Amino acid sequence: MVALTVPERINADNATAMLASLTEALAGAGTATEPPTLDLAPLAVFDSSALSLLLQLERSLQAVAASGEPGGTSPPLVLLNPPAKLQELAELYGVAGLLFGAPAKGEAPQAE
């Protein structure tokens, strides 16, 4: 599995440019057997724009897949090595399950 990496900083100043760059890079990165993968280990400075970027990346990948064929979908974006503070921020905004799958350690699943 080949993972693209993010820069050390994602915030309101560079999120739009990063979204365009990562969307383009990830569009061809996944296959039917290997999903597109993004390594978040370098991420050290971020704000809620990083969460927005990750959610938009997932939407963009699904839109590209759907435009290719009727009913087409892309495998979900895999996020490796998310920093603990990013996970905490995602939990605060209620999007941890969308980005990281199962609830974070110590978090009870929410009833639907």
PDB file of N, CA and C in Angstrom:
ATOM      1  N   MET A   1       0.835  -1.167   0.000  1.00  0.00           N
ATOM      2  CA  MET A   1       0.000   0.000   0.000  1.00  0.00           C
ATOM      3  C   MET A   1       0.888   1.240   0.000  1.00  0.00           C
ATOM      4  N   VAL A   2       0.632   2.130  -0.915  1.00  0.00           N
ATOM      5  CA  VAL A   2       1.365   3.380  -0.998  1.00  0.00           C
ATOM      6  C   VAL A   2       0.478   4.477  -0.438  1.00  0.00           C
ATOM      7  N   ALA A   3       0.997   5.190   0.541  1.00  0.00           N
ATOM      8  CA  ALA A   3       0.223   6.259   1.170  1.00  0.00           C
ATOM      9  C   ALA A   3       0.833   7.607   0.823  1.00  0.00           C
ATOM     10  N   LEU A   4      -0.021   8.538   0.459  1.00  0.00           N
ATOM     11  CA  LEU A   4       0.416   9.918   0.296  1.00  0.00           C
ATOM     12  C   LEU A   4       0.509  10.524   1.688  1.00  0.00           C
ATOM     13  N   THR A   5       1.385  11.487   1.861  1.00  0.00           N
ATOM     14  CA  THR A   5       1.513  12.126   3.169  1.00  0.00           C
ATOM     15  C   THR A   5       1.042  13.568   3.089  1.00  0.00           C
ATOM     16  N   VAL A   6       0.587  14.052   4.224  1.00  0.00           N
ATOM     17  CA  VAL A   6       0.169  15.448   4.313  1.00  0.00           C
ATOM     18  C   VAL A   6       1.349  16.267   4.820  1.00  0.00           C
ATOM     19  N   PRO A   7       1.282  17.574   4.660  1.00  0.00           N
ATOM     20  CA  PRO A   7       2.350  18.417   5.205  1.00  0.00           C
ATOM     21  C   PRO A   7       2.203  18.563   6.715  1.00  0.00           C
ATOM     22  N   GLU A   8       3.136  19.246   7.316  1.00  0.00           N
ATOM     23  CA  GLU A   8       3.135  19.462   8.763  1.00  0.00           C
ATOM     24  C   GLU A   8       1.994  20.388   9.191  1.00  0.00           C
ATOM     25  N   ARG A   9       1.570  21.273   8.295  1.00  0.00           N
ATOM     26  CA  ARG A   9       0.568  22.288   8.643  1.00  0.00           C
ATOM     27  C   ARG A   9      -0.605  22.251   7.663  1.00  0.00           C
ATOM     28  N   ILE A  10      -1.819  22.157   8.230  1.00  0.00           N
ATOM     29  CA  ILE A  10      -3.042  22.344   7.439  1.00  0.00           C
ATOM     30  C   ILE A  10      -3.954  23.229   8.269  1.00  0.00           C
ATOM     31  N   ASN A  11      -4.171  24.434   7.750  1.00  0.00           N
ATOM     32  CA  ASN A  11      -5.071  25.361   8.429  1.00  0.00           C
ATOM     33  C   ASN A  11      -5.787  26.205   7.376  1.00  0.00           C
ATOM     34  N   ALA A  12      -6.501  27.208   7.830  1.00  0.00           N
ATOM     35  CA  ALA A  12      -7.289  28.029   6.911  1.00  0.00           C
ATOM     36  C   ALA A  12      -6.428  28.678   5.823  1.00  0.00           C
ATOM     37  N   ASP A  13      -5.155  28.902   6.111  1.00  0.00           N
ATOM     38  CA  ASP A  13      -4.281  29.555   5.137  1.00  0.00           C
ATOM     39  C   ASP A  13      -3.961  28.685   3.926  1.00  0.00           C
ATOM     40  N   ASN A  14      -3.881  27.370   4.122  1.00  0.00           N
ATOM     41  CA  ASN A  14      -3.460  26.518   3.001  1.00  0.00           C
ATOM     42  C   ASN A  14      -4.439  25.389   2.668  1.00  0.00           C
ATOM     43  N   ALA A  15      -5.567  25.317   3.350  1.00  0.00           N
ATOM     44  CA  ALA A  15      -6.486  24.184   3.161  1.00  0.00           C
ATOM     45  C   ALA A  15      -7.019  24.088   1.736  1.00  0.00           C
ATOM     46  N   THR A  16      -7.365  25.193   1.126  1.00  0.00           N
ATOM     47  CA  THR A  16      -7.915  25.157  -0.229  1.00  0.00           C
ATOM     48  C   THR A  16      -6.882  24.627  -1.225  1.00  0.00           C
ATOM     49  N   ALA A  17      -5.674  25.109  -1.132  1.00  0.00           N
ATOM     50  CA  ALA A  17      -4.615  24.626  -2.028  1.00  0.00           C
ATOM     51  C   ALA A  17      -4.306  23.158  -1.763  1.00  0.00           C
ATOM     52  N   MET A  18      -4.282  22.768  -0.486  1.00  0.00           N
ATOM     53  CA  MET A  18      -4.026  21.369  -0.150  1.00  0.00           C
ATOM     54  C   MET A  18      -5.141  20.463  -0.661  1.00  0.00           C
ATOM     55  N   LEU A  19      -6.383  20.934  -0.582  1.00  0.00           N
ATOM     56  CA  LEU A  19      -7.504  20.134  -1.067  1.00  0.00           C
ATOM     57  C   LEU A  19      -7.339  19.848  -2.550  1.00  0.00           C
ATOM     58  N   ALA A  20      -7.025  20.861  -3.324  1.00  0.00           N
ATOM     59  CA  ALA A  20      -6.844  20.670  -4.771  1.00  0.00           C
ATOM     60  C   ALA A  20      -5.698  19.707  -5.053  1.00  0.00           C
ATOM     61  N   SER A  21      -4.589  19.887  -4.368  1.00  0.00           N
ATOM     62  CA  SER A  21      -3.416  19.044  -4.581  1.00  0.00           C
ATOM     63  C   SER A  21      -3.683  17.595  -4.187  1.00  0.00           C
ATOM     64  N   LEU A  22      -4.265  17.389  -3.008  1.00  0.00           N
ATOM     65  CA  LEU A  22      -4.508  16.024  -2.530  1.00  0.00           C
ATOM     66  C   LEU A  22      -5.616  15.330  -3.322  1.00  0.00           C
ATOM     67  N   THR A  23      -6.632  16.076  -3.737  1.00  0.00           N
ATOM     68  CA  THR A  23      -7.702  15.481  -4.541  1.00  0.00           C
ATOM     69  C   THR A  23      -7.139  14.931  -5.836  1.00  0.00           C
ATOM     70  N   GLU A  24      -6.301  15.714  -6.476  1.00  0.00           N
ATOM     71  CA  GLU A  24      -5.685  15.278  -7.731  1.00  0.00           C
ATOM     72  C   GLU A  24      -4.786  14.062  -7.511  1.00  0.00           C
ATOM     73  N   ALA A  25      -3.982  14.117  -6.469  1.00  0.00           N
ATOM     74  CA  ALA A  25      -3.057  13.019  -6.188  1.00  0.00           C
ATOM     75  C   ALA A  25      -3.786  11.740  -5.802  1.00  0.00           C
ATOM     76  N   LEU A  26      -4.868  11.859  -5.023  1.00  0.00           N
ATOM     77  CA  LEU A  26      -5.588  10.680  -4.555  1.00  0.00           C
ATOM     78  C   LEU A  26      -6.538  10.096  -5.589  1.00  0.00           C
ATOM     79  N   ALA A  27      -6.940  10.895  -6.567  1.00  0.00           N
ATOM     80  CA  ALA A  27      -7.922  10.435  -7.555  1.00  0.00           C
ATOM     81  C   ALA A  27      -7.485   9.148  -8.247  1.00  0.00           C
ATOM     82  N   GLY A  28      -6.223   9.002  -8.519  1.00  0.00           N
ATOM     83  CA  GLY A  28      -5.739   7.806  -9.178  1.00  0.00           C
ATOM     84  C   GLY A  28      -4.990   6.864  -8.254  1.00  0.00           C
ATOM     85  N   ALA A  29      -5.016   7.149  -6.957  1.00  0.00           N
ATOM     86  CA  ALA A  29      -4.195   6.372  -6.027  1.00  0.00           C
ATOM     87  C   ALA A  29      -4.827   5.055  -5.604  1.00  0.00           C
ATOM     88  N   GLY A  30      -6.138   4.997  -5.544  1.00  0.00           N
ATOM     89  CA  GLY A  30      -6.786   3.777  -5.070  1.00  0.00           C
ATOM     90  C   GLY A  30      -7.126   2.831  -6.201  1.00  0.00           C
ATOM     91  N   THR A  31      -7.300   1.570  -5.838  1.00  0.00           N
ATOM     92  CA  THR A  31      -7.747   0.558  -6.785  1.00  0.00           C
ATOM     93  C   THR A  31      -8.897  -0.193  -6.134  1.00  0.00           C
ATOM     94  N   ALA A  32      -9.461  -1.146  -6.849  1.00  0.00           N
ATOM     95  CA  ALA A  32     -10.562  -1.926  -6.293  1.00  0.00           C
ATOM     96  C   ALA A  32     -10.121  -2.715  -5.064  1.00  0.00           C
ATOM     97  N   THR A  33      -8.851  -3.090  -5.017  1.00  0.00           N
ATOM     98  CA  THR A  33      -8.369  -3.885  -3.889  1.00  0.00           C
ATOM     99  C   THR A  33      -7.621  -3.061  -2.851  1.00  0.00           C
ATOM    100  N   GLU A  34      -7.106  -1.910  -3.233  1.00  0.00           N
ATOM    101  CA  GLU A  34      -6.393  -1.042  -2.297  1.00  0.00           C
ATOM    102  C   GLU A  34      -6.987   0.357  -2.345  1.00  0.00           C
ATOM    103  N   PRO A  35      -7.563   0.802  -1.236  1.00  0.00           N
ATOM    104  CA  PRO A  35      -8.185   2.125  -1.217  1.00  0.00           C
ATOM    105  C   PRO A  35      -7.141   3.238  -1.207  1.00  0.00           C
ATOM    106  N   PRO A  36      -7.560   4.445  -1.581  1.00  0.00           N
ATOM    107  CA  PRO A  36      -6.640   5.583  -1.476  1.00  0.00           C
ATOM    108  C   PRO A  36      -6.273   5.784  -0.012  1.00  0.00           C
ATOM    109  N   THR A  37      -5.000   6.049   0.248  1.00  0.00           N
ATOM    110  CA  THR A  37      -4.499   6.109   1.620  1.00  0.00           C
ATOM    111  C   THR A  37      -3.715   7.391   1.846  1.00  0.00           C
ATOM    112  N   LEU A  38      -3.970   8.014   2.991  1.00  0.00           N
ATOM    113  CA  LEU A  38      -3.331   9.268   3.342  1.00  0.00           C
ATOM    114  C   LEU A  38      -2.693   9.125   4.722  1.00  0.00           C
ATOM    115  N   ASP A  39      -1.395   9.373   4.810  1.00  0.00           N
ATOM    116  CA  ASP A  39      -0.670   9.283   6.077  1.00  0.00           C
ATOM    117  C   ASP A  39      -0.677  10.657   6.749  1.00  0.00           C
ATOM    118  N   LEU A  40      -1.273  10.715   7.932  1.00  0.00           N
ATOM    119  CA  LEU A  40      -1.398  11.974   8.656  1.00  0.00           C
ATOM    120  C   LEU A  40      -0.289  12.189   9.683  1.00  0.00           C
ATOM    121  N   ALA A  41       0.686  11.295   9.739  1.00  0.00           N
ATOM    122  CA  ALA A  41       1.747  11.378  10.748  1.00  0.00           C
ATOM    123  C   ALA A  41       2.473  12.728  10.781  1.00  0.00           C
ATOM    124  N   PRO A  42       2.773  13.344   9.634  1.00  0.00           N
ATOM    125  CA  PRO A  42       3.506  14.613   9.697  1.00  0.00           C
ATOM    126  C   PRO A  42       2.691  15.784  10.250  1.00  0.00           C
ATOM    127  N   LEU A  43       1.376  15.644  10.296  1.00  0.00           N
ATOM    128  CA  LEU A  43       0.498  16.752  10.671  1.00  0.00           C
ATOM    129  C   LEU A  43       0.722  17.155  12.130  1.00  0.00           C
ATOM    130  N   ALA A  44       1.208  18.371  12.337  1.00  0.00           N
ATOM    131  CA  ALA A  44       1.512  18.847  13.684  1.00  0.00           C
ATOM    132  C   ALA A  44       0.779  20.150  14.015  1.00  0.00           C
ATOM    133  N   VAL A  45       0.496  20.953  13.009  1.00  0.00           N
ATOM    134  CA  VAL A  45      -0.177  22.237  13.208  1.00  0.00           C
ATOM    135  C   VAL A  45      -1.432  22.225  12.346  1.00  0.00           C
ATOM    136  N   PHE A  46      -2.599  22.324  12.987  1.00  0.00           N
ATOM    137  CA  PHE A  46      -3.845  22.253  12.232  1.00  0.00           C
ATOM    138  C   PHE A  46      -4.969  22.923  13.003  1.00  0.00           C
ATOM    139  N   ASP A  47      -6.037  23.195  12.294  1.00  0.00           N
ATOM    140  CA  ASP A  47      -7.264  23.686  12.908  1.00  0.00           C
ATOM    141  C   ASP A  47      -8.421  22.912  12.285  1.00  0.00           C
ATOM    142  N   SER A  48      -9.625  23.374  12.484  1.00  0.00           N
ATOM    143  CA  SER A  48     -10.784  22.646  11.969  1.00  0.00           C
ATOM    144  C   SER A  48     -10.780  22.563  10.442  1.00  0.00           C
ATOM    145  N   SER A  49      -9.994  23.379   9.790  1.00  0.00           N
ATOM    146  CA  SER A  49      -9.878  23.296   8.327  1.00  0.00           C
ATOM    147  C   SER A  49      -9.337  21.933   7.899  1.00  0.00           C
ATOM    148  N   ALA A  50      -8.513  21.321   8.724  1.00  0.00           N
ATOM    149  CA  ALA A  50      -7.978  19.992   8.404  1.00  0.00           C
ATOM    150  C   ALA A  50      -9.105  18.963   8.370  1.00  0.00           C
ATOM    151  N   LEU A  51     -10.033  19.054   9.309  1.00  0.00           N
ATOM    152  CA  LEU A  51     -11.186  18.143   9.298  1.00  0.00           C
ATOM    153  C   LEU A  51     -12.033  18.362   8.058  1.00  0.00           C
ATOM    154  N   SER A  52     -12.277  19.620   7.748  1.00  0.00           N
ATOM    155  CA  SER A  52     -13.062  19.952   6.560  1.00  0.00           C
ATOM    156  C   SER A  52     -12.393  19.407   5.302  1.00  0.00           C
ATOM    157  N   LEU A  53     -11.089  19.558   5.222  1.00  0.00           N
ATOM    158  CA  LEU A  53     -10.328  19.053   4.080  1.00  0.00           C
ATOM    159  C   LEU A  53     -10.485  17.536   3.957  1.00  0.00           C
ATOM    160  N   LEU A  54     -10.364  16.811   5.053  1.00  0.00           N
ATOM    161  CA  LEU A  54     -10.460  15.350   5.008  1.00  0.00           C
ATOM    162  C   LEU A  54     -11.866  14.897   4.602  1.00  0.00           C
ATOM    163  N   LEU A  55     -12.880  15.567   5.122  1.00  0.00           N
ATOM    164  CA  LEU A  55     -14.252  15.233   4.732  1.00  0.00           C
ATOM    165  C   LEU A  55     -14.495  15.534   3.248  1.00  0.00           C
ATOM    166  N   GLN A  56     -13.984  16.662   2.785  1.00  0.00           N
ATOM    167  CA  GLN A  56     -14.153  17.022   1.377  1.00  0.00           C
ATOM    168  C   GLN A  56     -13.377  16.083   0.459  1.00  0.00           C
ATOM    169  N   LEU A  57     -12.217  15.621   0.888  1.00  0.00           N
ATOM    170  CA  LEU A  57     -11.463  14.649   0.091  1.00  0.00           C
ATOM    171  C   LEU A  57     -12.290  13.390  -0.139  1.00  0.00           C
ATOM    172  N   GLU A  58     -12.916  12.898   0.918  1.00  0.00           N
ATOM    173  CA  GLU A  58     -13.759  11.708   0.799  1.00  0.00           C
ATOM    174  C   GLU A  58     -14.906  11.956  -0.175  1.00  0.00           C
ATOM    175  N   ARG A  59     -15.566  13.104  -0.041  1.00  0.00           N
ATOM    176  CA  ARG A  59     -16.669  13.444  -0.960  1.00  0.00           C
ATOM    177  C   ARG A  59     -16.174  13.547  -2.393  1.00  0.00           C
ATOM    178  N   SER A  60     -15.036  14.169  -2.580  1.00  0.00           N
ATOM    179  CA  SER A  60     -14.483  14.336  -3.929  1.00  0.00           C
ATOM    180  C   SER A  60     -14.150  12.993  -4.566  1.00  0.00           C
ATOM    181  N   LEU A  61     -13.566  12.095  -3.789  1.00  0.00           N
ATOM    182  CA  LEU A  61     -13.227  10.776  -4.313  1.00  0.00           C
ATOM    183  C   LEU A  61     -14.490  10.014  -4.712  1.00  0.00           C
ATOM    184  N   GLN A  62     -15.540  10.128  -3.909  1.00  0.00           N
ATOM    185  CA  GLN A  62     -16.801   9.467  -4.243  1.00  0.00           C
ATOM    186  C   GLN A  62     -17.424  10.084  -5.487  1.00  0.00           C
ATOM    187  N   ALA A  63     -17.338  11.407  -5.642  1.00  0.00           N
ATOM    188  CA  ALA A  63     -17.899  12.077  -6.807  1.00  0.00           C
ATOM    189  C   ALA A  63     -17.168  11.673  -8.083  1.00  0.00           C
ATOM    190  N   VAL A  64     -15.857  11.566  -8.013  1.00  0.00           N
ATOM    191  CA  VAL A  64     -15.069  11.154  -9.173  1.00  0.00           C
ATOM    192  C   VAL A  64     -15.440   9.728  -9.565  1.00  0.00           C
ATOM    193  N   ALA A  65     -15.565   8.854  -8.586  1.00  0.00           N
ATOM    194  CA  ALA A  65     -15.921   7.461  -8.861  1.00  0.00           C
ATOM    195  C   ALA A  65     -17.316   7.370  -9.454  1.00  0.00           C
ATOM    196  N   ALA A  66     -18.244   8.143  -8.924  1.00  0.00           N
ATOM    197  CA  ALA A  66     -19.625   8.101  -9.407  1.00  0.00           C
ATOM    198  C   ALA A  66     -19.740   8.660 -10.820  1.00  0.00           C
ATOM    199  N   SER A  67     -18.899   9.608 -11.181  1.00  0.00           N
ATOM    200  CA  SER A  67     -18.979  10.182 -12.523  1.00  0.00           C
ATOM    201  C   SER A  67     -18.420   9.232 -13.574  1.00  0.00           C
ATOM    202  N   GLY A  68     -17.626   8.267 -13.136  1.00  0.00           N
ATOM    203  CA  GLY A  68     -17.024   7.325 -14.072  1.00  0.00           C
ATOM    204  C   GLY A  68     -17.985   6.265 -14.566  1.00  0.00           C
ATOM    205  N   GLU A  69     -18.919   5.872 -13.736  1.00  0.00           N
ATOM    206  CA  GLU A  69     -19.887   4.854 -14.138  1.00  0.00           C
ATOM    207  C   GLU A  69     -21.116   4.963 -13.252  1.00  0.00           C
ATOM    208  N   PRO A  70     -22.277   4.589 -13.780  1.00  0.00           N
ATOM    209  CA  PRO A  70     -23.483   4.670 -12.968  1.00  0.00           C
ATOM    210  C   PRO A  70     -23.353   3.797 -11.713  1.00  0.00           C
ATOM    211  N   GLY A  71     -23.652   4.384 -10.572  1.00  0.00           N
ATOM    212  CA  GLY A  71     -23.568   3.645  -9.315  1.00  0.00           C
ATOM    213  C   GLY A  71     -22.153   3.392  -8.850  1.00  0.00           C
ATOM    214  N   GLY A  72     -21.169   3.958  -9.523  1.00  0.00           N
ATOM    215  CA  GLY A  72     -19.773   3.722  -9.153  1.00  0.00           C
ATOM    216  C   GLY A  72     -19.432   4.351  -7.820  1.00  0.00           C
ATOM    217  N   THR A  73     -18.632   3.664  -7.049  1.00  0.00           N
ATOM    218  CA  THR A  73     -18.151   4.203  -5.784  1.00  0.00           C
ATOM    219  C   THR A  73     -16.664   3.913  -5.660  1.00  0.00           C
ATOM    220  N   SER A  74     -16.035   4.702  -4.864  1.00  0.00           N
ATOM    221  CA  SER A  74     -14.617   4.528  -4.583  1.00  0.00           C
ATOM    222  C   SER A  74     -14.501   3.892  -3.207  1.00  0.00           C
ATOM    223  N   PRO A  75     -13.475   3.068  -2.980  1.00  0.00           N
ATOM    224  CA  PRO A  75     -13.267   2.588  -1.610  1.00  0.00           C
ATOM    225  C   PRO A  75     -13.067   3.794  -0.702  1.00  0.00           C
ATOM    226  N   PRO A  76     -13.462   3.682   0.559  1.00  0.00           N
ATOM    227  CA  PRO A  76     -13.291   4.825   1.465  1.00  0.00           C
ATOM    228  C   PRO A  76     -11.821   5.205   1.615  1.00  0.00           C
ATOM    229  N   LEU A  77     -11.596   6.466   1.827  1.00  0.00           N
ATOM    230  CA  LEU A  77     -10.256   6.979   2.072  1.00  0.00           C
ATOM    231  C   LEU A  77      -9.744   6.415   3.391  1.00  0.00           C
ATOM    232  N   VAL A  78      -8.546   5.864   3.384  1.00  0.00           N
ATOM    233  CA  VAL A  78      -7.936   5.332   4.599  1.00  0.00           C
ATOM    234  C   VAL A  78      -6.993   6.391   5.152  1.00  0.00           C
ATOM    235  N   LEU A  79      -7.191   6.718   6.428  1.00  0.00           N
ATOM    236  CA  LEU A  79      -6.356   7.708   7.093  1.00  0.00           C
ATOM    237  C   LEU A  79      -5.456   7.002   8.099  1.00  0.00           C
ATOM    238  N   LEU A  80      -4.152   7.061   7.840  1.00  0.00           N
ATOM    239  CA  LEU A  80      -3.173   6.419   8.724  1.00  0.00           C
ATOM    240  C   LEU A  80      -2.599   7.421   9.709  1.00  0.00           C
ATOM    241  N   ASN A  81      -2.276   6.957  10.895  1.00  0.00           N
ATOM    242  CA  ASN A  81      -1.537   7.725  11.900  1.00  0.00           C
ATOM    243  C   ASN A  81      -2.129   9.098  12.230  1.00  0.00           C
ATOM    244  N   PRO A  82      -3.437   9.168  12.459  1.00  0.00           N
ATOM    245  CA  PRO A  82      -3.988  10.483  12.808  1.00  0.00           C
ATOM    246  C   PRO A  82      -3.473  10.932  14.174  1.00  0.00           C
ATOM    247  N   PRO A  83      -3.031  12.174  14.294  1.00  0.00           N
ATOM    248  CA  PRO A  83      -2.584  12.667  15.595  1.00  0.00           C
ATOM    249  C   PRO A  83      -3.734  12.628  16.610  1.00  0.00           C
ATOM    250  N   ALA A  84      -3.412  12.381  17.854  1.00  0.00           N
ATOM    251  CA  ALA A  84      -4.434  12.299  18.909  1.00  0.00           C
ATOM    252  C   ALA A  84      -5.257  13.585  18.986  1.00  0.00           C
ATOM    253  N   LYS A  85      -4.611  14.719  18.842  1.00  0.00           N
ATOM    254  CA  LYS A  85      -5.328  16.004  18.924  1.00  0.00           C
ATOM    255  C   LYS A  85      -6.306  16.162  17.754  1.00  0.00           C
ATOM    256  N   LEU A  86      -5.971  15.625  16.597  1.00  0.00           N
ATOM    257  CA  LEU A  86      -6.893  15.671  15.463  1.00  0.00           C
ATOM    258  C   LEU A  86      -8.107  14.780  15.741  1.00  0.00           C
ATOM    259  N   GLN A  87      -7.866  13.630  16.332  1.00  0.00           N
ATOM    260  CA  GLN A  87      -8.967  12.743  16.697  1.00  0.00           C
ATOM    261  C   GLN A  87      -9.870  13.402  17.734  1.00  0.00           C
ATOM    262  N   GLU A  88      -9.267  14.081  18.696  1.00  0.00           N
ATOM    263  CA  GLU A  88     -10.053  14.789  19.707  1.00  0.00           C
ATOM    264  C   GLU A  88     -10.898  15.886  19.075  1.00  0.00           C
ATOM    265  N   LEU A  89     -10.317  16.620  18.142  1.00  0.00           N
ATOM    266  CA  LEU A  89     -11.051  17.675  17.455  1.00  0.00           C
ATOM    267  C   LEU A  89     -12.200  17.081  16.643  1.00  0.00           C
ATOM    268  N   ALA A  90     -11.943  15.956  15.987  1.00  0.00           N
ATOM    269  CA  ALA A  90     -12.994  15.280  15.217  1.00  0.00           C
ATOM    270  C   ALA A  90     -14.124  14.813  16.129  1.00  0.00           C
ATOM    271  N   GLU A  91     -13.778  14.327  17.321  1.00  0.00           N
ATOM    272  CA  GLU A  91     -14.801  13.915  18.283  1.00  0.00           C
ATOM    273  C   GLU A  91     -15.613  15.123  18.738  1.00  0.00           C
ATOM    274  N   LEU A  92     -14.956  16.234  18.982  1.00  0.00           N
ATOM    275  CA  LEU A  92     -15.633  17.456  19.407  1.00  0.00           C
ATOM    276  C   LEU A  92     -16.646  17.910  18.352  1.00  0.00           C
ATOM    277  N   TYR A  93     -16.270  17.804  17.085  1.00  0.00           N
ATOM    278  CA  TYR A  93     -17.152  18.217  15.991  1.00  0.00           C
ATOM    279  C   TYR A  93     -18.134  17.121  15.576  1.00  0.00           C
ATOM    280  N   GLY A  94     -18.008  15.935  16.167  1.00  0.00           N
ATOM    281  CA  GLY A  94     -18.935  14.848  15.863  1.00  0.00           C
ATOM    282  C   GLY A  94     -18.679  14.141  14.547  1.00  0.00           C
ATOM    283  N   VAL A  95     -17.453  14.203  14.039  1.00  0.00           N
ATOM    284  CA  VAL A  95     -17.148  13.571  12.752  1.00  0.00           C
ATOM    285  C   VAL A  95     -16.084  12.475  12.852  1.00  0.00           C
ATOM    286  N   ALA A  96     -15.735  12.084  14.073  1.00  0.00           N
ATOM    287  CA  ALA A  96     -14.692  11.067  14.245  1.00  0.00           C
ATOM    288  C   ALA A  96     -15.082   9.761  13.562  1.00  0.00           C
ATOM    289  N   GLY A  97     -16.330   9.347  13.705  1.00  0.00           N
ATOM    290  CA  GLY A  97     -16.784   8.110  13.061  1.00  0.00           C
ATOM    291  C   GLY A  97     -16.707   8.186  11.557  1.00  0.00           C
ATOM    292  N   LEU A  98     -17.002   9.341  10.985  1.00  0.00           N
ATOM    293  CA  LEU A  98     -16.936   9.508   9.529  1.00  0.00           C
ATOM    294  C   LEU A  98     -15.504   9.435   9.015  1.00  0.00           C
ATOM    295  N   LEU A  99     -14.587   9.992   9.778  1.00  0.00           N
ATOM    296  CA  LEU A  99     -13.196  10.040   9.325  1.00  0.00           C
ATOM    297  C   LEU A  99     -12.381   8.819   9.717  1.00  0.00           C
ATOM    298  N   PHE A 100     -12.569   8.355  10.934  1.00  0.00           N
ATOM    299  CA  PHE A 100     -11.692   7.320  11.458  1.00  0.00           C
ATOM    300  C   PHE A 100     -12.392   5.998  11.710  1.00  0.00           C
ATOM    301  N   GLY A 101     -13.637   5.881  11.294  1.00  0.00           N
ATOM    302  CA  GLY A 101     -14.357   4.626  11.452  1.00  0.00           C
ATOM    303  C   GLY A 101     -14.889   4.441  12.846  1.00  0.00           C
ATOM    304  N   ALA A 102     -14.469   3.385  13.491  1.00  0.00           N
ATOM    305  CA  ALA A 102     -14.966   3.043  14.819  1.00  0.00           C
ATOM    306  C   ALA A 102     -14.674   4.172  15.801  1.00  0.00           C
ATOM    307  N   PRO A 103     -15.462   4.257  16.864  1.00  0.00           N
ATOM    308  CA  PRO A 103     -15.212   5.295  17.868  1.00  0.00           C
ATOM    309  C   PRO A 103     -13.803   5.196  18.427  1.00  0.00           C
ATOM    310  N   ALA A 104     -13.265   6.329  18.789  1.00  0.00           N
ATOM    311  CA  ALA A 104     -11.922   6.366  19.368  1.00  0.00           C
ATOM    312  C   ALA A 104     -11.919   5.640  20.707  1.00  0.00           C
ATOM    313  N   LYS A 105     -10.743   5.257  21.127  1.00  0.00           N
ATOM    314  CA  LYS A 105     -10.591   4.538  22.391  1.00  0.00           C
ATOM    315  C   LYS A 105     -11.278   5.306  23.518  1.00  0.00           C
ATOM    316  N   GLY A 106     -12.099   4.588  24.283  1.00  0.00           N
ATOM    317  CA  GLY A 106     -12.785   5.214  25.405  1.00  0.00           C
ATOM    318  C   GLY A 106     -14.093   5.858  25.040  1.00  0.00           C
ATOM    319  N   GLU A 107     -14.421   5.940  23.757  1.00  0.00           N
ATOM    320  CA  GLU A 107     -15.673   6.556  23.335  1.00  0.00           C
ATOM    321  C   GLU A 107     -16.711   5.463  23.080  1.00  0.00           C
ATOM    322  N   ALA A 108     -17.861   5.610  23.673  1.00  0.00           N
ATOM    323  CA  ALA A 108     -18.927   4.629  23.472  1.00  0.00           C
ATOM    324  C   ALA A 108     -19.622   4.886  22.142  1.00  0.00           C
ATOM    325  N   PRO A 109     -20.001   3.823  21.431  1.00  0.00           N
ATOM    326  CA  PRO A 109     -20.743   4.028  20.178  1.00  0.00           C
ATOM    327  C   PRO A 109     -22.063   4.711  20.488  1.00  0.00           C
ATOM    328  N   GLN A 110     -22.479   5.596  19.609  1.00  0.00           N
ATOM    329  CA  GLN A 110     -23.729   6.306  19.798  1.00  0.00           C
ATOM    330  C   GLN A 110     -24.880   5.509  19.213  1.00  0.00           C
ATOM    331  N   ALA A 111     -25.991   5.496  19.935  1.00  0.00           N
ATOM    332  CA  ALA A 111     -27.191   4.795  19.440  1.00  0.00           C
ATOM    333  C   ALA A 111     -27.820   5.618  18.337  1.00  0.00           C
ATOM    334  N   GLU A 112     -28.387   4.941  17.376  1.00  0.00           N
ATOM    335  CA  GLU A 112     -29.018   5.668  16.269  1.00  0.00           C
ATOM    336  C   GLU A 112     -30.504   5.631  16.386  1.00  0.00           C
TER     337      GLU A 112
END
